Structure formats: structure tokens, C-alpha cells
Protein backbone atom coordinates (compact mmCIF):
# COMPACT_ATOMS: atom_id res chain seq x y z
CA MET A 1 126.24 124.40 116.61
CA THR A 2 127.92 126.82 114.24
CA ALA A 3 126.06 129.09 111.85
CA ALA A 4 127.25 126.93 108.94
CA GLU A 5 125.90 123.79 110.63
CA ALA A 6 122.57 125.50 111.26
CA ARG A 7 122.32 126.54 107.60
CA SER A 8 123.20 123.01 106.56
CA ASP A 9 120.51 121.58 108.84
CA GLU A 10 117.95 124.05 107.47
CA PHE A 11 118.88 123.11 103.91
CA LEU A 12 118.52 119.40 104.69
CA ILE A 13 115.13 119.95 106.34
CA SER A 14 113.85 121.97 103.40
CA ALA A 15 115.29 119.76 100.66
CA ALA A 16 114.30 116.49 102.33
CA GLY A 17 110.75 117.78 102.81
CA ASP A 18 110.54 118.79 99.15
CA LEU A 19 111.90 115.44 97.94
CA PHE A 20 109.53 113.52 100.23
CA ALA A 21 106.61 115.55 98.88
CA ALA A 22 107.78 114.64 95.38
CA GLY A 23 107.47 110.94 96.22
CA PHE A 24 110.97 109.94 97.33
CA ASP A 25 111.30 107.71 100.41
CA THR A 26 113.85 108.22 103.19
CA ALA A 27 116.33 105.73 101.71
CA GLN A 28 116.27 107.47 98.32
CA ILE A 29 116.70 110.88 99.93
CA ALA A 30 119.55 109.60 102.13
CA SER A 31 121.38 108.25 99.08
CA ARG A 32 121.13 111.62 97.34
CA PHE A 33 122.59 113.48 100.33
CA VAL A 34 125.03 110.77 101.42
CA ALA A 35 123.42 111.02 104.85
CA PRO A 36 122.20 108.36 107.26
CA GLU A 37 118.51 107.50 106.99
CA ALA A 38 118.11 108.52 110.64
CA ALA A 39 119.25 112.06 109.79
CA ILE A 40 116.78 112.21 106.92
CA ALA A 41 113.98 110.86 109.13
CA ALA A 42 114.76 113.55 111.72
CA ALA A 43 114.80 116.26 109.06
CA LEU A 44 111.45 115.03 107.71
CA ALA A 45 109.96 115.07 111.20
CA VAL A 46 110.94 118.73 111.55
CA ALA A 47 109.59 119.53 108.07
CA ARG A 48 106.27 117.83 108.88
CA GLN A 49 105.94 119.67 112.19
CA ARG A 50 106.64 123.01 110.52
CA ARG A 51 104.05 122.24 107.85
CA ARG A 52 101.46 121.39 110.55
CA VAL A 53 102.21 124.62 112.39
CA ALA A 54 101.94 126.63 109.17
CA ILE A 55 98.61 125.03 108.26
CA ALA A 56 97.27 125.61 111.77
CA GLY A 57 98.31 129.25 111.50
CA LEU A 58 96.48 129.63 108.19
CA ILE A 59 93.34 128.07 109.67
CA CYS A 60 93.48 130.33 112.74
CA ASN A 61 94.01 133.37 110.54
CA ALA A 62 91.04 132.43 108.34
CA LEU A 63 88.83 131.89 111.39
CA ALA A 64 89.93 135.18 112.93
CA HIS A 65 89.00 137.03 109.75
CA GLY A 66 85.70 135.22 109.20
CA CYS A 67 86.92 133.48 106.06
CA ALA A 68 85.88 129.98 107.10
CA ARG A 69 82.42 128.73 106.25
């Protein structure tokens, strides 16, 4: 994978995640990017996993600092 392809993948992951959060489904997102639905579904899976990891990190950080009740 080239650096340009990696940047393109990162953009798709970020943009697809944002559009999905705004209420668009995979078919609507795919039509906006002229990309196969499978590519959008894969990008959304990565975006969801990253979001889960980020949330878990925030929870762990709060617990480590005694912020949770």
C-alpha cells in the first residue's frame, strides 16, 4: 500500500464514520463516494472499532484517576 492509498483509506474511514453517525446508511455513503458498499462496510467496521477502543481508553483513564463513581 502506498502512502497515498493509506491516506485515502484513512479519509474513507473517517468520512464514512461521520456520515453514518449523521444517519446515512451504507448504500447512501457508497453512492456519495462512488465506492462499493463492501468497502464502506469495511471502513465503518474500522471506524466502530476505533471508537470502541477510544471509549475504553477514556473509561480506563477515568478509573485510573478516580473519576468514576
